[in-house]
Structures are given as structure tokens and as C-alpha cells.
Amino acid sequence: MFGTINPDVLHGRLQSMNSDELRTEVSRLRWFHTIELPHGVVTPGVDYSAERLSRLGLPDDLRDTSVLDVGAWDGFFSFESERRGARRVLATDHFCWSGPGWGSKAGFELARAALSSGVEDQELDVLNLSPETVGAFDVVLFLGVLYHVRHPLLALERIASVTTGLLILDTQVELVRPGRPLMVFYPGRELADDPTNWWGPNPRAVEDMLRDVGFEHVKLHSMFPSSLSGRMVRAAKDTVRGRASFLRSVNRARAVFHARR
């Protein structure tokens, strides 16, 4: 398994591979992110990672900044931050790298070596983040993680403690219409047949929690699907596929928030 190989040895092996050999190594792993590697090889991830960039609002120019990618998994957004000029990038994960799910650190290790990347890594749960464990960062990415943690407000407190500039938060949201701050609890496998999905806050709840933990400037940057008609189309498909009832699905969306201290 790649995760058990010395990184320098892995880097040396990959640098000497041709496209067919690299593609063979990539095919041995199960990928979440879609990452473009040398020789035109693209990892077969289930997440169309590059397509999400326009919705995230990740700054085009990250020169002279430090970036923390919390819940990095295969590392697409870590490597993208490095590509945009960040002087330091730290990728952290725990659940996907060594937890009970189907993910592993092998994809991250392979991609980092293939890209000759200088992205650092630290295996750490979000609830263990602190200035003492990782330091402080100009930009923090917290993408697709909040709804997976049992204690979301505590997780945001930890995130705030290591953010000196911009936080980009991407999460599942529920009850997308304006109103009081509310959260939906997902028992069992209610959301996407995944028992690690716990909470679906509405946008107001996310914004209020971010302010509560110390972010003074908070805004909803984007939401997908962005319109009621788009959510209705998605809900109809979910109903046909047996994923969720129409009413539940139509109230669900994916939202990106930008927050600054």
C-alpha cells in the first residue's frame, strides 16, 4: 500500500514511470478527488473536484499566504492551493486517512509524489486543531466536513482558533428558506445512506455559529442548486432513485460561506 512506503522512495518510483505505469498505479486505488497528474493521467474520483472551484471562491492568487486544508482526503484542494502560489500548505485529515470509512491516505501520498508537491501533512482530527498543534493560517479550507462531525459548534471553535484571515466553509444545508437558525439531525443513514452524516444546518445557523466563534465578517458566497427550480429538478431525481422524499430533498442544498476574523 502506498501509505506504508517511504515518501522519498515513492517519489523516486513515480518520477521514473511512464504514463501507462502511472495509470496502472492510480487504478489500484479508490479515489474520491479527481486530480490531474503528469502524463495526462487523471485520478478516477467520484467528486468532480475542479468543477467545485468556481463555487468555492478560492482566491486565484495565494502568493505569500499559508493555507490549511482540513479534511484533505486525496488532497485536490491542497495541491490546488499550492499551484496558486501559497508559500505553505498543510493538509490534515483523520477519518478519511485512518478512520472506519473507505478512504485512505494512499491517494494523497501518490498524488503528492507524482506532482512533486511540497504540501505538508498531519494526521489530526478537527477537534484537535489548535495553535499549539498546527499553528495559525491565513486561509483555512473546511470543505465537506462540518455535517460529518457530531459537535459542529465545537469544530468551528477549533477552526476559528487557527484562522487569521479567510475561512472557506463548504457544507450541506437544510431548510434553505430564510428564518431562524435551525439544524436537522440525520439519524442512521438518512442522508446519502451514510451513517457519518450527522447535521444539516440552515444557512442562518451556519452564519450565526461562525459569528459566535469569533468571525466578524460572514457571508453566504454561493449555494448549489441556487434556485428553487434547480432544487425541484434534483428532488425529482432523488425521489425516482429512492434517495429521499421530494419534500426533504427540495429543501437541501450545498452552500459555501466566507468568513473573516
C-alpha atoms as a PDB file:
ATOM      1  CA  MET A   1       0.000   0.000   0.000  1.00  0.00           C
ATOM      2  CA  PHE A   2       1.383   3.433  -0.908  1.00  0.00           C
ATOM      3  CA  GLY A   3       0.790   4.862   2.563  1.00  0.00           C
ATOM      4  CA  THR A   4       3.343   2.455   4.035  1.00  0.00           C
ATOM      5  CA  ILE A   5       6.156   3.393   1.623  1.00  0.00           C
ATOM      6  CA  ASN A   6       8.820   5.962   2.451  1.00  0.00           C
ATOM      7  CA  PRO A   7       7.736   9.187   0.650  1.00  0.00           C
ATOM      8  CA  ASP A   8      11.175   9.668  -0.909  1.00  0.00           C
ATOM      9  CA  VAL A   9      11.135   6.130  -2.273  1.00  0.00           C
ATOM     10  CA  LEU A  10       7.614   6.621  -3.631  1.00  0.00           C
ATOM     11  CA  HIS A  11       8.610   9.905  -5.257  1.00  0.00           C
ATOM     12  CA  GLY A  12      11.575   8.261  -6.946  1.00  0.00           C
ATOM     13  CA  ARG A  13       9.449   5.412  -8.264  1.00  0.00           C
ATOM     14  CA  LEU A  14       6.783   7.687  -9.707  1.00  0.00           C
ATOM     15  CA  GLN A  15       9.239  10.057 -11.370  1.00  0.00           C
ATOM     16  CA  SER A  16      10.641   7.182 -13.412  1.00  0.00           C
ATOM     17  CA  MET A  17       7.235   5.896 -14.565  1.00  0.00           C
ATOM     18  CA  ASN A  18       5.742   6.440 -17.994  1.00  0.00           C
ATOM     19  CA  SER A  19       2.064   7.245 -18.479  1.00  0.00           C
ATOM     20  CA  ASP A  20       0.919   3.622 -18.659  1.00  0.00           C
ATOM     21  CA  GLU A  21       2.795   2.687 -15.489  1.00  0.00           C
ATOM     22  CA  LEU A  22       1.430   5.688 -13.606  1.00  0.00           C
ATOM     23  CA  ARG A  23      -2.088   4.944 -14.811  1.00  0.00           C
ATOM     24  CA  THR A  24      -1.711   1.374 -13.529  1.00  0.00           C
ATOM     25  CA  GLU A  25      -0.650   2.604 -10.085  1.00  0.00           C
ATOM     26  CA  VAL A  26      -3.566   5.044  -9.995  1.00  0.00           C
ATOM     27  CA  SER A  27      -6.029   2.292 -10.938  1.00  0.00           C
ATOM     28  CA  ARG A  28      -5.051   0.255  -7.882  1.00  0.00           C
ATOM     29  CA  LEU A  29      -6.567   2.820  -5.543  1.00  0.00           C
ATOM     30  CA  ARG A  30     -10.086   4.005  -4.832  1.00  0.00           C
ATOM     31  CA  TRP A  31     -10.241   7.766  -5.279  1.00  0.00           C
ATOM     32  CA  PHE A  32     -12.556  10.493  -4.038  1.00  0.00           C
ATOM     33  CA  HIS A  33     -10.953  13.523  -5.711  1.00  0.00           C
ATOM     34  CA  THR A  34     -10.367  13.955  -9.426  1.00  0.00           C
ATOM     35  CA  ILE A  35      -6.740  15.094  -9.705  1.00  0.00           C
ATOM     36  CA  GLU A  36      -4.772  15.769 -12.880  1.00  0.00           C
ATOM     37  CA  LEU A  37      -1.360  14.119 -12.619  1.00  0.00           C
ATOM     38  CA  PRO A  38       1.623  14.147 -15.016  1.00  0.00           C
ATOM     39  CA  HIS A  39       1.406  12.395 -18.420  1.00  0.00           C
ATOM     40  CA  GLY A  40      -2.257  13.368 -18.739  1.00  0.00           C
ATOM     41  CA  VAL A  41      -3.301  10.853 -16.081  1.00  0.00           C
ATOM     42  CA  VAL A  42      -6.431  11.842 -14.118  1.00  0.00           C
ATOM     43  CA  THR A  43      -7.495  10.067 -10.959  1.00  0.00           C
ATOM     44  CA  PRO A  44     -10.963   8.483 -11.320  1.00  0.00           C
ATOM     45  CA  GLY A  45     -12.553  10.225  -8.330  1.00  0.00           C
ATOM     46  CA  VAL A  46     -16.274  10.306  -7.626  1.00  0.00           C
ATOM     47  CA  ASP A  47     -16.007  14.027  -6.809  1.00  0.00           C
ATOM     48  CA  TYR A  48     -15.725  16.393  -9.775  1.00  0.00           C
ATOM     49  CA  SER A  49     -13.258  18.466  -7.799  1.00  0.00           C
ATOM     50  CA  ALA A  50     -12.229  21.047 -10.414  1.00  0.00           C
ATOM     51  CA  GLU A  51     -15.875  21.915 -11.103  1.00  0.00           C
ATOM     52  CA  ARG A  52     -16.318  22.937  -7.461  1.00  0.00           C
ATOM     53  CA  LEU A  53     -13.647  25.626  -7.623  1.00  0.00           C
ATOM     54  CA  SER A  54     -15.891  28.244  -9.210  1.00  0.00           C
ATOM     55  CA  ARG A  55     -18.434  27.831  -6.397  1.00  0.00           C
ATOM     56  CA  LEU A  56     -15.829  27.965  -3.614  1.00  0.00           C
ATOM     57  CA  GLY A  57     -14.318  31.336  -4.404  1.00  0.00           C
ATOM     58  CA  LEU A  58     -10.772  30.211  -3.655  1.00  0.00           C
ATOM     59  CA  PRO A  59      -8.540  33.236  -4.394  1.00  0.00           C
ATOM     60  CA  ASP A  60      -6.717  32.933  -7.703  1.00  0.00           C
ATOM     61  CA  ASP A  61      -3.545  34.362  -6.187  1.00  0.00           C
ATOM     62  CA  LEU A  62      -2.410  32.796  -2.904  1.00  0.00           C
ATOM     63  CA  ARG A  63       1.166  34.044  -3.001  1.00  0.00           C
ATOM     64  CA  ASP A  64       2.672  34.825   0.405  1.00  0.00           C
ATOM     65  CA  THR A  65      -0.157  33.038   2.195  1.00  0.00           C
ATOM     66  CA  SER A  66      -0.318  29.941   4.366  1.00  0.00           C
ATOM     67  CA  VAL A  67      -3.200  27.512   3.748  1.00  0.00           C
ATOM     68  CA  LEU A  68      -4.682  24.827   5.994  1.00  0.00           C
ATOM     69  CA  ASP A  69      -6.859  22.193   4.303  1.00  0.00           C
ATOM     70  CA  VAL A  70      -8.945  20.442   6.976  1.00  0.00           C
ATOM     71  CA  GLY A  71     -10.279  17.070   5.852  1.00  0.00           C
ATOM     72  CA  ALA A  72      -7.977  16.980   2.837  1.00  0.00           C
ATOM     73  CA  TRP A  73      -8.590  13.329   1.812  1.00  0.00           C
ATOM     74  CA  ASP A  74      -6.852  12.860  -1.584  1.00  0.00           C
ATOM     75  CA  GLY A  75      -5.614  16.453  -1.427  1.00  0.00           C
ATOM     76  CA  PHE A  76      -7.055  18.121  -4.529  1.00  0.00           C
ATOM     77  CA  PHE A  77      -7.625  21.465  -2.794  1.00  0.00           C
ATOM     78  CA  SER A  78      -4.277  21.306  -1.013  1.00  0.00           C
ATOM     79  CA  PHE A  79      -2.439  20.837  -4.298  1.00  0.00           C
ATOM     80  CA  GLU A  80      -4.581  23.496  -5.988  1.00  0.00           C
ATOM     81  CA  SER A  81      -3.687  25.977  -3.241  1.00  0.00           C
ATOM     82  CA  GLU A  82      -0.024  25.195  -3.793  1.00  0.00           C
ATOM     83  CA  ARG A  83      -0.490  25.651  -7.554  1.00  0.00           C
ATOM     84  CA  ARG A  84      -1.963  29.097  -6.877  1.00  0.00           C
ATOM     85  CA  GLY A  85       1.217  30.123  -5.119  1.00  0.00           C
ATOM     86  CA  ALA A  86       0.668  29.505  -1.406  1.00  0.00           C
ATOM     87  CA  ARG A  87       4.026  29.595   0.367  1.00  0.00           C
ATOM     88  CA  ARG A  88       2.931  26.862   2.781  1.00  0.00           C
ATOM     89  CA  VAL A  89       0.106  24.325   2.637  1.00  0.00           C
ATOM     90  CA  LEU A  90      -0.739  21.892   5.418  1.00  0.00           C
ATOM     91  CA  ALA A  91      -3.201  19.071   4.715  1.00  0.00           C
ATOM     92  CA  THR A  92      -4.867  17.452   7.722  1.00  0.00           C
ATOM     93  CA  ASP A  93      -7.253  14.543   7.977  1.00  0.00           C
ATOM     94  CA  HIS A  94      -8.106  11.701  10.281  1.00  0.00           C
ATOM     95  CA  PHE A  95     -11.335   9.981   9.366  1.00  0.00           C
ATOM     96  CA  CYS A  96     -10.521   9.518   5.683  1.00  0.00           C
ATOM     97  CA  TRP A  97      -6.860   8.679   6.222  1.00  0.00           C
ATOM     98  CA  SER A  98      -7.223   6.134   9.011  1.00  0.00           C
ATOM     99  CA  GLY A  99     -10.876   6.025  10.059  1.00  0.00           C
ATOM    100  CA  PRO A 100     -13.526   3.352   9.518  1.00  0.00           C
ATOM    101  CA  GLY A 101     -14.651   4.692   6.123  1.00  0.00           C
ATOM    102  CA  TRP A 102     -13.498   3.554   2.687  1.00  0.00           C
ATOM    103  CA  GLY A 103     -10.956   6.351   2.276  1.00  0.00           C
ATOM    104  CA  SER A 104      -7.239   6.106   2.950  1.00  0.00           C
ATOM    105  CA  LYS A 105      -4.127   8.270   2.771  1.00  0.00           C
ATOM    106  CA  ALA A 106      -2.757   6.284  -0.165  1.00  0.00           C
ATOM    107  CA  GLY A 107      -4.239   8.583  -2.806  1.00  0.00           C
ATOM    108  CA  PHE A 108      -2.826  11.678  -1.128  1.00  0.00           C
ATOM    109  CA  GLU A 109       0.616  10.104  -0.892  1.00  0.00           C
ATOM    110  CA  LEU A 110       0.591   9.005  -4.524  1.00  0.00           C
ATOM    111  CA  ALA A 111      -0.657  12.344  -5.847  1.00  0.00           C
ATOM    112  CA  ARG A 112       1.819  14.346  -3.773  1.00  0.00           C
ATOM    113  CA  ALA A 113       4.724  12.258  -5.046  1.00  0.00           C
ATOM    114  CA  ALA A 114       3.545  12.313  -8.659  1.00  0.00           C
ATOM    115  CA  LEU A 115       3.134  16.107  -8.548  1.00  0.00           C
ATOM    116  CA  SER A 116       6.470  16.627  -6.764  1.00  0.00           C
ATOM    117  CA  SER A 117       4.431  18.627  -4.279  1.00  0.00           C
ATOM    118  CA  GLY A 118       5.700  20.267  -1.138  1.00  0.00           C
ATOM    119  CA  VAL A 119       2.328  20.092   0.646  1.00  0.00           C
ATOM    120  CA  GLU A 120       2.830  19.069   4.269  1.00  0.00           C
ATOM    121  CA  ASP A 121       0.580  16.602   6.061  1.00  0.00           C
ATOM    122  CA  GLN A 122      -0.514  15.947   9.619  1.00  0.00           C
ATOM    123  CA  GLU A 123      -2.980  13.303  10.708  1.00  0.00           C
ATOM    124  CA  LEU A 124      -5.275  15.117  13.098  1.00  0.00           C
ATOM    125  CA  ASP A 125      -8.970  15.208  13.928  1.00  0.00           C
ATOM    126  CA  VAL A 126     -10.673  18.586  13.514  1.00  0.00           C
ATOM    127  CA  LEU A 127     -11.485  18.682  17.241  1.00  0.00           C
ATOM    128  CA  ASN A 128      -7.756  18.563  17.996  1.00  0.00           C
ATOM    129  CA  LEU A 129      -6.910  21.617  15.918  1.00  0.00           C
ATOM    130  CA  SER A 130      -5.272  24.437  17.880  1.00  0.00           C
ATOM    131  CA  PRO A 131      -2.449  26.955  17.504  1.00  0.00           C
ATOM    132  CA  GLU A 132      -0.348  24.519  19.530  1.00  0.00           C
ATOM    133  CA  THR A 133      -0.960  21.547  17.234  1.00  0.00           C
ATOM    134  CA  VAL A 134      -0.842  23.191  13.788  1.00  0.00           C
ATOM    135  CA  GLY A 135      -0.154  26.913  14.168  1.00  0.00           C
ATOM    136  CA  ALA A 136      -2.217  29.658  12.511  1.00  0.00           C
ATOM    137  CA  PHE A 137      -3.074  30.154   8.835  1.00  0.00           C
ATOM    138  CA  ASP A 138      -4.052  32.967   6.501  1.00  0.00           C
ATOM    139  CA  VAL A 139      -6.563  30.792   4.637  1.00  0.00           C
ATOM    140  CA  VAL A 140      -8.394  27.761   6.042  1.00  0.00           C
ATOM    141  CA  LEU A 141     -10.406  25.352   3.885  1.00  0.00           C
ATOM    142  CA  PHE A 142     -13.137  23.405   5.678  1.00  0.00           C
ATOM    143  CA  LEU A 143     -14.822  21.663   2.777  1.00  0.00           C
ATOM    144  CA  GLY A 144     -17.432  18.943   3.106  1.00  0.00           C
ATOM    145  CA  VAL A 145     -16.644  18.205   6.737  1.00  0.00           C
ATOM    146  CA  LEU A 146     -18.995  20.155   9.022  1.00  0.00           C
ATOM    147  CA  TYR A 147     -22.001  17.879   8.522  1.00  0.00           C
ATOM    148  CA  HIS A 148     -19.821  14.855   9.319  1.00  0.00           C
ATOM    149  CA  VAL A 149     -18.880  15.995  12.842  1.00  0.00           C
ATOM    150  CA  ARG A 150     -21.002  15.178  15.867  1.00  0.00           C
ATOM    151  CA  HIS A 151     -20.223  18.508  17.546  1.00  0.00           C
ATOM    152  CA  PRO A 152     -20.347  21.174  14.825  1.00  0.00           C
ATOM    153  CA  LEU A 153     -20.104  24.272  17.029  1.00  0.00           C
ATOM    154  CA  LEU A 154     -17.075  22.864  18.830  1.00  0.00           C
ATOM    155  CA  ALA A 155     -15.486  22.063  15.468  1.00  0.00           C
ATOM    156  CA  LEU A 156     -15.999  25.656  14.356  1.00  0.00           C
ATOM    157  CA  GLU A 157     -14.383  26.889  17.585  1.00  0.00           C
ATOM    158  CA  ARG A 158     -11.304  24.815  16.738  1.00  0.00           C
ATOM    159  CA  ILE A 159     -11.318  26.116  13.168  1.00  0.00           C
ATOM    160  CA  ALA A 160     -11.576  29.717  14.354  1.00  0.00           C
ATOM    161  CA  SER A 161      -8.613  29.268  16.696  1.00  0.00           C
ATOM    162  CA  VAL A 162      -6.254  28.605  13.768  1.00  0.00           C
ATOM    163  CA  THR A 163      -7.685  31.102  11.233  1.00  0.00           C
ATOM    164  CA  THR A 164      -6.092  34.545  10.984  1.00  0.00           C
ATOM    165  CA  GLY A 165      -7.648  35.576   7.670  1.00  0.00           C
ATOM    166  CA  LEU A 166     -10.180  33.827   5.429  1.00  0.00           C
ATOM    167  CA  LEU A 167     -12.199  30.704   6.167  1.00  0.00           C
ATOM    168  CA  ILE A 168     -13.908  28.987   3.247  1.00  0.00           C
ATOM    169  CA  LEU A 169     -16.582  26.630   4.549  1.00  0.00           C
ATOM    170  CA  ASP A 170     -18.496  24.267   2.269  1.00  0.00           C
ATOM    171  CA  THR A 171     -21.316  22.228   3.774  1.00  0.00           C
ATOM    172  CA  GLN A 172     -24.651  20.521   3.311  1.00  0.00           C
ATOM    173  CA  VAL A 173     -27.532  22.783   4.327  1.00  0.00           C
ATOM    174  CA  GLU A 174     -31.208  22.196   5.034  1.00  0.00           C
ATOM    175  CA  LEU A 175     -34.275  24.393   5.274  1.00  0.00           C
ATOM    176  CA  VAL A 176     -32.758  26.821   2.803  1.00  0.00           C
ATOM    177  CA  ARG A 177     -35.522  29.405   3.123  1.00  0.00           C
ATOM    178  CA  PRO A 178     -34.685  32.354   5.417  1.00  0.00           C
ATOM    179  CA  GLY A 179     -35.742  32.041   9.025  1.00  0.00           C
ATOM    180  CA  ARG A 180     -34.490  31.214  12.479  1.00  0.00           C
ATOM    181  CA  PRO A 181     -31.171  29.356  12.886  1.00  0.00           C
ATOM    182  CA  LEU A 182     -32.061  25.658  12.808  1.00  0.00           C
ATOM    183  CA  MET A 183     -30.323  22.330  12.303  1.00  0.00           C
ATOM    184  CA  VAL A 184     -31.676  18.994  11.105  1.00  0.00           C
ATOM    185  CA  PHE A 185     -30.317  15.844  12.732  1.00  0.00           C
ATOM    186  CA  TYR A 186     -29.803  12.881  10.396  1.00  0.00           C
ATOM    187  CA  PRO A 187     -30.479   9.620  12.252  1.00  0.00           C
ATOM    188  CA  GLY A 188     -28.941   6.433  10.922  1.00  0.00           C
ATOM    189  CA  ARG A 189     -28.321   6.602   7.170  1.00  0.00           C
ATOM    190  CA  GLU A 190     -30.910   9.237   6.312  1.00  0.00           C
ATOM    191  CA  LEU A 191     -28.584  11.410   4.240  1.00  0.00           C
ATOM    192  CA  ALA A 192     -26.972   9.675   1.246  1.00  0.00           C
ATOM    193  CA  ASP A 193     -27.091   6.302   3.035  1.00  0.00           C
ATOM    194  CA  ASP A 194     -24.054   7.458   5.040  1.00  0.00           C
ATOM    195  CA  PRO A 195     -24.063   6.943   8.824  1.00  0.00           C
ATOM    196  CA  THR A 196     -21.328   9.589   9.241  1.00  0.00           C
ATOM    197  CA  ASN A 197     -23.653  12.391   8.106  1.00  0.00           C
ATOM    198  CA  TRP A 198     -24.987  13.980  11.288  1.00  0.00           C
ATOM    199  CA  TRP A 199     -26.231  17.539  10.835  1.00  0.00           C
ATOM    200  CA  GLY A 200     -27.876  19.725   8.215  1.00  0.00           C
ATOM    201  CA  PRO A 201     -27.855  23.342   9.429  1.00  0.00           C
ATOM    202  CA  ASN A 202     -29.752  26.026   7.586  1.00  0.00           C
ATOM    203  CA  PRO A 203     -27.688  28.930   6.193  1.00  0.00           C
ATOM    204  CA  ARG A 204     -28.726  31.225   9.056  1.00  0.00           C
ATOM    205  CA  ALA A 205     -27.446  28.674  11.590  1.00  0.00           C
ATOM    206  CA  VAL A 206     -24.063  28.433   9.842  1.00  0.00           C
ATOM    207  CA  GLU A 207     -23.720  32.205   9.724  1.00  0.00           C
ATOM    208  CA  ASP A 208     -24.697  32.632  13.383  1.00  0.00           C
ATOM    209  CA  MET A 209     -22.358  29.858  14.546  1.00  0.00           C
ATOM    210  CA  LEU A 210     -19.471  31.428  12.639  1.00  0.00           C
ATOM    211  CA  ARG A 211     -20.127  34.771  14.295  1.00  0.00           C
ATOM    212  CA  ASP A 212     -20.459  33.098  17.686  1.00  0.00           C
ATOM    213  CA  VAL A 213     -16.949  31.600  17.439  1.00  0.00           C
ATOM    214  CA  GLY A 214     -15.351  34.915  16.519  1.00  0.00           C
ATOM    215  CA  PHE A 215     -15.746  35.613  12.804  1.00  0.00           C
ATOM    216  CA  GLU A 216     -16.939  39.206  12.418  1.00  0.00           C
ATOM    217  CA  HIS A 217     -17.489  39.213   8.662  1.00  0.00           C
ATOM    218  CA  VAL A 218     -19.588  36.303   7.380  1.00  0.00           C
ATOM    219  CA  LYS A 219     -21.369  35.922   4.069  1.00  0.00           C
ATOM    220  CA  LEU A 220     -23.078  33.226   2.050  1.00  0.00           C
ATOM    221  CA  HIS A 221     -20.832  33.047  -1.013  1.00  0.00           C
ATOM    222  CA  SER A 222     -22.757  30.540  -3.124  1.00  0.00           C
ATOM    223  CA  MET A 223     -25.378  27.820  -2.982  1.00  0.00           C
ATOM    224  CA  PHE A 224     -25.998  24.872  -5.303  1.00  0.00           C
ATOM    225  CA  PRO A 225     -28.585  24.290  -6.608  1.00  0.00           C
ATOM    226  CA  SER A 226     -29.023  28.055  -6.346  1.00  0.00           C
ATOM    227  CA  SER A 227     -32.700  28.243  -7.311  1.00  0.00           C
ATOM    228  CA  LEU A 228     -35.918  26.588  -6.217  1.00  0.00           C
ATOM    229  CA  SER A 229     -36.432  25.213  -9.729  1.00  0.00           C
ATOM    230  CA  GLY A 230     -32.964  23.638  -9.625  1.00  0.00           C
ATOM    231  CA  ARG A 231     -33.684  22.018  -6.271  1.00  0.00           C
ATOM    232  CA  MET A 232     -37.023  20.743  -7.566  1.00  0.00           C
ATOM    233  CA  VAL A 233     -35.341  19.043 -10.524  1.00  0.00           C
ATOM    234  CA  ARG A 234     -32.765  17.486  -8.207  1.00  0.00           C
ATOM    235  CA  ALA A 235     -35.515  16.432  -5.748  1.00  0.00           C
ATOM    236  CA  ALA A 236     -37.480  14.726  -8.521  1.00  0.00           C
ATOM    237  CA  LYS A 237     -34.405  12.701  -9.469  1.00  0.00           C
ATOM    238  CA  ASP A 238     -33.742  11.792  -5.828  1.00  0.00           C
ATOM    239  CA  THR A 239     -37.336  10.634  -5.434  1.00  0.00           C
ATOM    240  CA  VAL A 240     -37.164   8.408  -8.527  1.00  0.00           C
ATOM    241  CA  ARG A 241     -33.892   6.907  -7.308  1.00  0.00           C
ATOM    242  CA  GLY A 242     -35.289   6.330  -3.816  1.00  0.00           C
ATOM    243  CA  ARG A 243     -32.678   8.547  -2.167  1.00  0.00           C
ATOM    244  CA  ALA A 244     -35.085  10.864  -0.334  1.00  0.00           C
ATOM    245  CA  SER A 245     -38.641  12.111  -0.365  1.00  0.00           C
ATOM    246  CA  PHE A 246     -39.371  15.050  -2.632  1.00  0.00           C
ATOM    247  CA  LEU A 247     -40.070  17.443   0.266  1.00  0.00           C
ATOM    248  CA  ARG A 248     -36.866  16.549   2.080  1.00  0.00           C
ATOM    249  CA  SER A 249     -34.706  16.788  -0.995  1.00  0.00           C
ATOM    250  CA  VAL A 250     -36.121  20.086  -2.245  1.00  0.00           C
ATOM    251  CA  ASN A 251     -35.068  21.764   0.995  1.00  0.00           C
ATOM    252  CA  ARG A 252     -31.466  20.547   0.743  1.00  0.00           C
ATOM    253  CA  ALA A 253     -28.570  22.306  -0.925  1.00  0.00           C
ATOM    254  CA  ARG A 254     -24.814  22.757  -0.773  1.00  0.00           C
ATOM    255  CA  ALA A 255     -23.592  26.116   0.482  1.00  0.00           C
ATOM    256  CA  VAL A 256     -20.256  27.911   0.649  1.00  0.00           C
ATOM    257  CA  PHE A 257     -19.570  30.565   3.279  1.00  0.00           C
ATOM    258  CA  HIS A 258     -16.695  33.029   3.502  1.00  0.00           C
ATOM    259  CA  ALA A 259     -15.771  34.245   6.975  1.00  0.00           C
ATOM    260  CA  ARG A 260     -13.067  36.570   8.267  1.00  0.00           C
ATOM    261  CA  ARG A 261     -11.907  37.373  11.774  1.00  0.00           C
END
